[in-house]
Amino acid sequence: MQKRYRLRKNREFQWVYRRGKSYPSRTMVLICVRARSGVRIGFAVGKKVGGSVKRNRVKRLLKENARPLMGQVAPGWRIVIVAREAAVGEDFASLGRTLGMLMKKSGVMKTQAVEG
């Protein structure tokens, strides 16, 4: 994922946590809030998920699943994805399906024209 799309500072994460709306699933929680412009996304994996190797693996899988979806996100969103303990046992494809479903449910995706 490109650096321009990432949330990096603690205050950016805190702003999304305070003002955002959350969309939970078994493996992750998506928190999103409208912003002025651009799309920024951050990933949080707490120590409950496991050791550093497990946390970093989950974070890598989430980032790689989010990368192709970034082009479909409408401008003006800040998104934080918080991994849960159940994410450790999941594979790449199932995390991707869950992430895509949460992004559609939250309304951050651009509306797609119906193809005929």
Protein backbone atom coordinates (compact mmCIF):
# COMPACT_ATOMS: atom_id res chain seq x y z
CA MET A 1 0.00 0.00 0.00
CA GLN A 2 1.32 3.42 -0.91
CA LYS A 3 2.32 5.79 1.88
CA ARG A 4 -0.10 8.49 0.72
CA TYR A 5 -3.02 6.22 1.61
CA ARG A 6 -1.89 5.40 5.17
CA LEU A 7 -2.93 6.84 8.48
CA ARG A 8 0.30 7.22 10.41
CA LYS A 9 -0.06 9.46 13.43
CA ASN A 10 -1.77 8.54 16.69
CA ARG A 11 -3.96 11.66 16.53
CA GLU A 12 -5.28 10.57 13.11
CA PHE A 13 -6.28 7.17 14.54
CA GLN A 14 -7.83 8.81 17.63
CA TRP A 15 -9.87 11.19 15.43
CA VAL A 16 -11.33 8.22 13.51
CA TYR A 17 -12.01 6.28 16.74
CA ARG A 18 -13.84 9.27 18.30
CA ARG A 19 -15.93 10.36 15.33
CA GLY A 20 -16.24 7.22 13.23
CA LYS A 21 -18.98 4.66 12.84
CA SER A 22 -17.98 1.03 13.36
CA TYR A 23 -18.91 -2.06 11.36
CA PRO A 24 -17.94 -5.28 13.17
CA SER A 25 -17.34 -8.80 11.92
CA ARG A 26 -15.89 -11.92 13.54
CA THR A 27 -12.34 -11.20 12.36
CA MET A 28 -12.14 -7.40 12.19
CA VAL A 29 -13.87 -4.09 12.86
CA LEU A 30 -13.99 -1.35 10.23
CA ILE A 31 -14.29 2.19 11.58
CA CYS A 32 -14.85 4.98 9.07
CA VAL A 33 -15.57 8.70 9.07
CA ARG A 34 -16.02 11.32 6.37
CA ALA A 35 -13.10 13.69 5.81
CA ARG A 36 -12.45 16.69 3.60
CA SER A 37 -10.57 14.98 0.81
CA GLY A 38 -8.51 11.98 -0.12
CA VAL A 39 -8.64 8.45 1.22
CA ARG A 40 -6.53 7.33 4.17
CA ILE A 41 -6.54 3.92 5.82
CA GLY A 42 -4.88 2.60 8.96
CA PHE A 43 -4.48 -0.84 10.48
CA ALA A 44 -4.51 -1.72 14.18
CA VAL A 45 -3.65 -5.13 15.59
CA GLY A 46 -3.60 -5.31 19.38
CA LYS A 47 -1.46 -7.51 21.60
CA LYS A 48 -4.42 -9.80 22.31
CA VAL A 49 -4.07 -11.10 18.75
CA GLY A 50 -0.73 -12.75 19.57
CA GLY A 51 2.98 -12.24 19.41
CA SER A 52 4.68 -9.84 17.04
CA VAL A 53 5.01 -12.42 14.27
CA LYS A 54 1.27 -13.14 14.27
CA ARG A 55 0.33 -9.46 14.55
CA ASN A 56 2.59 -8.47 11.66
CA ARG A 57 1.31 -11.32 9.49
CA VAL A 58 -2.30 -10.28 10.07
CA LYS A 59 -1.40 -6.68 9.30
CA ARG A 60 0.37 -7.70 6.05
CA LEU A 61 -2.62 -9.78 4.96
CA LEU A 62 -5.01 -6.91 5.66
CA LYS A 63 -2.85 -4.39 3.82
CA GLU A 64 -2.58 -6.63 0.76
CA ASN A 65 -6.33 -7.19 0.73
CA ALA A 66 -7.00 -3.46 1.07
CA ARG A 67 -4.61 -2.43 -1.72
CA PRO A 68 -6.81 -3.38 -4.70
CA LEU A 69 -9.90 -1.96 -2.97
CA MET A 70 -8.37 1.51 -2.54
CA GLY A 71 -9.22 2.46 -6.12
CA GLN A 72 -12.89 1.71 -5.44
CA VAL A 73 -13.16 3.81 -2.28
CA ALA A 74 -14.94 7.14 -2.78
CA PRO A 75 -12.88 10.26 -2.00
CA GLY A 76 -13.12 11.80 1.44
CA TRP A 77 -12.89 8.87 3.86
CA ARG A 78 -10.68 7.97 6.81
CA ILE A 79 -10.77 4.27 7.63
CA VAL A 80 -9.26 2.21 10.46
CA ILE A 81 -9.33 -1.58 10.37
CA VAL A 82 -8.92 -3.25 13.75
CA ALA A 83 -8.05 -6.95 13.65
CA ARG A 84 -9.56 -9.34 16.16
CA GLU A 85 -8.08 -12.55 17.58
CA ALA A 86 -10.05 -14.67 15.08
CA ALA A 87 -8.10 -13.07 12.21
CA VAL A 88 -5.00 -15.14 13.08
CA GLY A 89 -6.56 -18.38 11.87
CA GLU A 90 -7.99 -16.94 8.65
CA ASP A 91 -6.43 -17.16 5.21
CA PHE A 92 -5.83 -14.38 2.70
CA ALA A 93 -9.02 -14.94 0.68
CA SER A 94 -11.42 -15.05 3.64
CA LEU A 95 -9.95 -11.86 5.12
CA GLY A 96 -10.35 -10.23 1.70
CA ARG A 97 -14.00 -11.25 1.43
CA THR A 98 -14.72 -9.93 4.92
CA LEU A 99 -12.93 -6.65 4.26
CA GLY A 100 -14.79 -6.15 0.96
CA MET A 101 -18.12 -6.92 2.61
CA LEU A 102 -17.46 -4.45 5.44
CA MET A 103 -16.40 -1.72 3.00
CA LYS A 104 -19.59 -2.18 0.97
CA LYS A 105 -21.74 -2.30 4.11
CA SER A 106 -20.19 0.92 5.44
CA GLY A 107 -20.82 2.83 2.20
CA VAL A 108 -17.22 3.88 1.54
CA MET A 109 -17.17 2.26 -1.92
CA LYS A 110 -17.99 4.25 -5.04
CA THR A 111 -21.37 3.37 -6.49
CA GLN A 112 -20.93 0.97 -9.38
CA ALA A 113 -22.94 1.42 -12.57
CA VAL A 114 -25.06 -1.58 -13.45
CA GLU A 115 -23.56 -3.36 -16.44
CA GLY A 116 -26.02 -4.68 -19.00
